[in-house]
Amino acid sequence: MTTTLARHAGPTVRAAERRPSLVRLSAVELRKLLDTRAGRWLLITIGLVAAGIVTLQLLYAPEAEQTFANFFIPSLLPVGVLLPVLGILSITSEWSQRTALTTFALVPRRYRVIAAKLVAVVLAALASVLASLALAAVGTLIADATGGAGSWRIEGSLILHAVVFQVASVLMGAGFGLLLLHTPLAIVAYLVLPIAWSIVGELVRPLHRVAEWLDTGRTMEPLFGTEVTAGQWGRLGVSLLLWLALPLAAGLVRTMRREVA
């Protein structure tokens, strides 16, 4: 009888011990972004900012400039500034809301939780690009109906550059969140350090050449155009090593080793 019970219980035990897939964990992390009050209002703010920019262009931009591309490009920068804060919150909220103990108890391998969080914020960045495209389409329709240019022409490379810009921005925010594990400190560090470095690189003449490679404000600027040269891609890659890869790597090590109290 014991053997029979063990035979029937075996599959149940194995099913209970089965790890949740990365897809399932990523879906949970996406839901967390929407369930928290801060994350929900941040997403609403991002949408309102993008919509506000399109509205201002419809009201004040010359009719000849009311095109799909011109509606799309200006919405990228403010969204790219706010989106990394979402990346920070996705990481630091586990510690600020004291849910890390439960999360890491349910999924003991922390790197899987971190990977799911990174997938979730990348998907949020891709969704922001789609939202900008949708708002640009609405703006173009309204412009066409009200006498604006209403041109739908846009280069595919520009959309690719927008994806690179938003994904890199949100991952930089997540990297600072992993490194500092404290929401206000991570937000201040993310906003202040690159700006401070940009100012120093501009004012100190010996650092001008270095700033061309390490100032993300400069290296990301070509992404707002349709063509990026090999040299510009190289400078962008070097700057992202400093501001994205290094905080992510150091933050991963810190998060893996930090004791959950």
Protein backbone atom coordinates (compact mmCIF):
# COMPACT_ATOMS: atom_id res chain seq x y z
CA MET A 1 0.00 0.00 0.00
CA THR A 2 2.90 2.35 0.82
CA THR A 3 4.40 1.66 -2.60
CA THR A 4 1.08 2.47 -4.29
CA LEU A 5 0.76 5.78 -2.40
CA ALA A 6 4.33 6.73 -3.25
CA ARG A 7 3.69 5.92 -6.93
CA HIS A 8 0.63 8.19 -7.01
CA ALA A 9 2.26 10.94 -4.91
CA GLY A 10 5.44 11.02 -7.00
CA PRO A 11 4.12 13.08 -9.94
CA THR A 12 2.35 15.44 -7.53
CA VAL A 13 5.53 16.08 -5.58
CA ARG A 14 7.53 16.59 -8.76
CA ALA A 15 4.89 19.04 -10.08
CA ALA A 16 5.01 20.98 -6.81
CA GLU A 17 8.79 21.20 -6.98
CA ARG A 18 8.78 22.35 -10.60
CA ARG A 19 10.23 25.84 -10.94
CA PRO A 20 8.10 28.59 -12.47
CA SER A 21 9.27 29.46 -15.96
CA LEU A 22 10.93 32.76 -16.84
CA VAL A 23 7.83 33.66 -18.86
CA ARG A 24 5.61 33.21 -15.80
CA LEU A 25 7.99 35.15 -13.56
CA SER A 26 8.17 37.97 -16.13
CA ALA A 27 4.36 38.11 -16.27
CA VAL A 28 4.29 38.40 -12.48
CA GLU A 29 6.82 41.25 -12.58
CA LEU A 30 4.80 43.04 -15.26
CA ARG A 31 1.74 42.77 -13.06
CA LYS A 32 3.73 44.21 -10.16
CA LEU A 33 4.56 47.27 -12.26
CA LEU A 34 0.83 47.93 -12.68
CA ASP A 35 -0.32 46.85 -9.22
CA THR A 36 1.83 49.25 -7.21
CA ARG A 37 0.53 52.79 -6.81
CA ALA A 38 3.85 54.38 -7.74
CA GLY A 39 4.28 52.25 -10.85
CA ARG A 40 0.69 52.80 -11.99
CA TRP A 41 0.86 56.58 -11.63
CA LEU A 42 4.27 56.72 -13.27
CA LEU A 43 2.91 54.89 -16.31
CA ILE A 44 -0.09 57.25 -16.38
CA THR A 45 2.27 60.23 -16.17
CA ILE A 46 4.40 58.91 -19.02
CA GLY A 47 1.30 58.53 -21.19
CA LEU A 48 0.03 62.01 -20.31
CA VAL A 49 3.41 63.61 -21.04
CA ALA A 50 3.61 61.95 -24.47
CA ALA A 51 0.01 62.94 -25.25
CA GLY A 52 0.68 66.49 -24.06
CA ILE A 53 3.64 66.85 -26.43
CA VAL A 54 1.53 65.76 -29.40
CA THR A 55 -1.23 68.17 -28.35
CA LEU A 56 1.19 71.10 -28.10
CA GLN A 57 2.54 70.33 -31.56
CA LEU A 58 -0.97 70.29 -32.98
CA LEU A 59 -1.66 73.67 -31.40
CA TYR A 60 1.59 75.52 -32.02
CA ALA A 61 3.78 73.71 -34.57
CA PRO A 62 3.71 75.01 -38.17
CA GLU A 63 1.34 73.00 -40.35
CA ALA A 64 4.21 71.82 -42.57
CA GLU A 65 5.89 70.22 -39.53
CA GLN A 66 2.83 68.28 -38.37
CA THR A 67 3.98 64.92 -39.69
CA PHE A 68 4.09 61.41 -38.25
CA ALA A 69 7.88 61.52 -37.75
CA ASN A 70 7.76 64.95 -36.11
CA PHE A 71 5.04 63.81 -33.72
CA PHE A 72 6.97 60.64 -32.88
CA ILE A 73 10.50 61.95 -32.26
CA PRO A 74 9.78 64.63 -29.60
CA SER A 75 7.85 62.17 -27.45
CA LEU A 76 10.89 59.93 -27.05
CA LEU A 77 13.04 62.15 -24.83
CA PRO A 78 10.63 62.90 -21.94
CA VAL A 79 9.42 59.30 -21.94
CA GLY A 80 13.06 58.18 -21.93
CA VAL A 81 13.66 60.35 -18.85
CA LEU A 82 10.69 58.97 -16.89
CA LEU A 83 10.86 55.34 -18.00
CA PRO A 84 14.14 54.56 -16.14
CA VAL A 85 12.40 55.54 -12.90
CA LEU A 86 10.06 52.62 -13.59
CA GLY A 87 13.13 50.40 -13.97
CA ILE A 88 14.40 51.62 -10.61
CA LEU A 89 11.06 51.03 -8.90
CA SER A 90 10.81 47.50 -10.28
CA ILE A 91 14.01 46.63 -8.41
CA THR A 92 13.94 48.74 -5.27
CA SER A 93 10.27 48.22 -4.42
CA GLU A 94 11.11 44.69 -3.25
CA TRP A 95 13.27 46.20 -0.52
CA SER A 96 11.32 49.37 0.27
CA GLN A 97 8.04 47.45 0.64
CA ARG A 98 9.78 44.53 2.40
CA THR A 99 8.55 41.94 -0.07
CA ALA A 100 12.04 40.64 -0.91
CA LEU A 101 11.83 37.98 1.81
CA THR A 102 8.65 36.53 0.31
CA THR A 103 9.86 36.84 -3.28
CA PHE A 104 13.20 35.13 -2.69
CA ALA A 105 11.58 32.50 -0.48
CA LEU A 106 9.26 31.53 -3.32
CA VAL A 107 12.07 31.74 -5.92
CA PRO A 108 15.33 31.04 -4.05
CA ARG A 109 17.52 31.54 -7.11
CA ARG A 110 17.65 35.32 -7.09
CA TYR A 111 19.14 35.66 -10.55
CA ARG A 112 15.89 34.28 -12.01
CA VAL A 113 13.85 36.98 -10.27
CA ILE A 114 16.26 39.66 -11.46
CA ALA A 115 16.16 38.31 -15.01
CA ALA A 116 12.35 38.40 -14.91
CA LYS A 117 12.41 42.00 -13.69
CA LEU A 118 14.75 43.01 -16.51
CA VAL A 119 12.53 41.28 -19.07
CA ALA A 120 9.50 43.09 -17.63
CA VAL A 121 11.07 46.56 -17.86
CA VAL A 122 12.35 45.87 -21.39
CA LEU A 123 8.80 44.91 -22.41
CA ALA A 124 7.59 48.13 -20.80
CA ALA A 125 10.15 50.07 -22.87
CA LEU A 126 8.95 48.36 -26.06
CA ALA A 127 5.36 49.16 -25.10
CA SER A 128 6.33 52.83 -24.67
CA VAL A 129 7.64 52.92 -28.24
CA LEU A 130 4.36 51.44 -29.48
CA ALA A 131 2.45 54.00 -27.42
CA SER A 132 4.51 56.83 -28.96
CA LEU A 133 3.79 55.45 -32.42
CA ALA A 134 0.07 55.25 -31.63
CA LEU A 135 -0.02 58.83 -30.33
CA ALA A 136 1.92 60.00 -33.38
CA ALA A 137 -0.64 58.27 -35.59
CA VAL A 138 -3.50 60.02 -33.78
CA GLY A 139 -1.70 63.34 -34.12
CA THR A 140 -1.15 62.76 -37.83
CA LEU A 141 -4.83 61.94 -38.37
CA ILE A 142 -5.90 65.11 -36.56
CA ALA A 143 -3.32 67.18 -38.47
CA ASP A 144 -4.55 65.77 -41.76
CA ALA A 145 -8.14 66.66 -40.86
CA THR A 146 -7.30 70.19 -39.66
CA GLY A 147 -5.06 71.31 -42.51
CA GLY A 148 -1.65 70.13 -41.31
CA ALA A 149 0.84 68.27 -43.46
CA GLY A 150 -0.42 64.89 -42.26
CA SER A 151 2.53 63.05 -43.84
CA TRP A 152 2.92 59.41 -42.75
CA ARG A 153 6.46 58.95 -44.02
CA ILE A 154 8.95 57.63 -41.44
CA GLU A 155 12.22 55.75 -41.77
CA GLY A 156 12.32 52.27 -40.28
CA SER A 157 15.76 53.00 -38.82
CA LEU A 158 14.23 55.76 -36.69
CA ILE A 159 11.90 53.26 -35.03
CA LEU A 160 14.84 50.92 -34.42
CA HIS A 161 16.81 53.78 -32.86
CA ALA A 162 13.83 54.60 -30.64
CA VAL A 163 13.77 51.00 -29.40
CA VAL A 164 17.50 51.12 -28.62
CA PHE A 165 17.11 54.44 -26.80
CA GLN A 166 14.19 53.38 -24.61
CA VAL A 167 15.54 49.91 -23.80
CA ALA A 168 18.99 51.28 -22.92
CA SER A 169 17.42 54.02 -20.77
CA VAL A 170 15.20 51.68 -18.76
CA LEU A 171 18.05 49.20 -18.24
CA MET A 172 20.28 52.01 -16.96
CA GLY A 173 17.60 52.79 -14.40
CA ALA A 174 17.34 49.12 -13.42
CA GLY A 175 21.13 48.99 -13.08
CA PHE A 176 21.16 51.90 -10.63
CA GLY A 177 18.29 50.25 -8.75
CA LEU A 178 20.22 46.99 -8.42
CA LEU A 179 23.37 48.78 -7.38
CA LEU A 180 21.84 50.99 -4.66
CA LEU A 181 18.66 49.06 -3.66
CA HIS A 182 17.16 52.29 -2.32
CA THR A 183 14.51 54.15 -4.31
CA PRO A 184 15.26 57.86 -3.57
CA LEU A 185 19.01 57.33 -3.67
CA ALA A 186 18.86 55.40 -6.96
CA ILE A 187 16.60 58.01 -8.61
CA VAL A 188 18.81 60.91 -7.50
CA ALA A 189 21.98 59.08 -8.57
CA TYR A 190 20.54 58.21 -11.97
CA LEU A 191 19.40 61.77 -12.63
CA VAL A 192 22.33 63.66 -11.12
CA LEU A 193 25.47 61.67 -11.94
CA PRO A 194 25.14 61.67 -15.78
CA ILE A 195 24.19 65.36 -15.75
CA ALA A 196 27.12 66.21 -13.46
CA TRP A 197 29.50 64.26 -15.69
CA SER A 198 28.12 66.02 -18.76
CA ILE A 199 28.74 69.44 -17.17
CA VAL A 200 32.25 68.52 -16.05
CA GLY A 201 33.08 67.08 -19.46
CA GLU A 202 31.91 70.30 -21.09
CA LEU A 203 33.73 72.68 -18.73
CA VAL A 204 37.05 70.86 -18.24
CA ARG A 205 38.92 71.01 -21.51
CA PRO A 206 41.15 67.91 -20.97
CA LEU A 207 37.97 65.85 -20.54
CA HIS A 208 36.33 66.96 -23.80
CA ARG A 209 37.62 63.95 -25.71
CA VAL A 210 36.68 61.52 -22.94
CA ALA A 211 33.19 63.01 -22.67
CA GLU A 212 32.57 62.26 -26.34
CA TRP A 213 32.80 58.57 -25.43
CA LEU A 214 31.31 58.50 -21.93
CA ASP A 215 28.59 61.16 -21.94
CA THR A 216 25.31 59.40 -22.77
CA GLY A 217 23.72 62.77 -23.51
CA ARG A 218 26.08 63.04 -26.47
CA THR A 219 26.34 59.40 -27.49
CA MET A 220 22.55 58.89 -27.56
CA GLU A 221 21.81 62.07 -29.48
CA PRO A 222 22.38 60.46 -32.93
CA LEU A 223 19.57 57.98 -32.14
CA PHE A 224 17.08 60.77 -32.76
CA GLY A 225 18.12 60.82 -36.42
CA THR A 226 17.72 58.31 -39.21
CA GLU A 227 21.41 57.53 -39.69
CA VAL A 228 24.01 56.48 -37.10
CA THR A 229 27.59 55.94 -38.23
CA ALA A 230 29.84 53.11 -37.08
CA GLY A 231 31.84 55.55 -34.97
CA GLN A 232 28.69 56.82 -33.27
CA TRP A 233 27.58 53.26 -32.51
CA GLY A 234 31.03 52.62 -31.04
CA ARG A 235 30.85 55.66 -28.75
CA LEU A 236 27.34 54.68 -27.70
CA GLY A 237 28.53 51.17 -26.85
CA VAL A 238 31.42 52.47 -24.72
CA SER A 239 29.18 54.88 -22.80
CA LEU A 240 26.65 52.09 -22.14
CA LEU A 241 29.42 49.90 -20.75
CA LEU A 242 29.98 52.55 -18.08
CA TRP A 243 26.41 53.62 -17.33
CA LEU A 244 24.51 50.38 -18.06
CA ALA A 245 26.65 47.24 -18.01
CA LEU A 246 28.81 48.19 -15.02
CA PRO A 247 25.93 49.12 -12.66
CA LEU A 248 23.99 46.03 -13.76
CA ALA A 249 26.93 43.71 -13.12
CA ALA A 250 27.88 45.28 -9.79
CA GLY A 251 24.23 45.48 -8.74
CA LEU A 252 23.65 41.83 -9.60
CA VAL A 253 26.57 40.81 -7.40
CA ARG A 254 25.33 42.99 -4.54
CA THR A 255 21.75 41.75 -4.80
CA MET A 256 22.86 38.12 -4.89
CA ARG A 257 24.93 38.58 -1.73
CA ARG A 258 22.73 40.92 0.29
CA GLU A 259 21.07 39.38 3.31
CA VAL A 260 17.28 39.58 3.28
CA ALA A 261 16.08 40.68 6.71
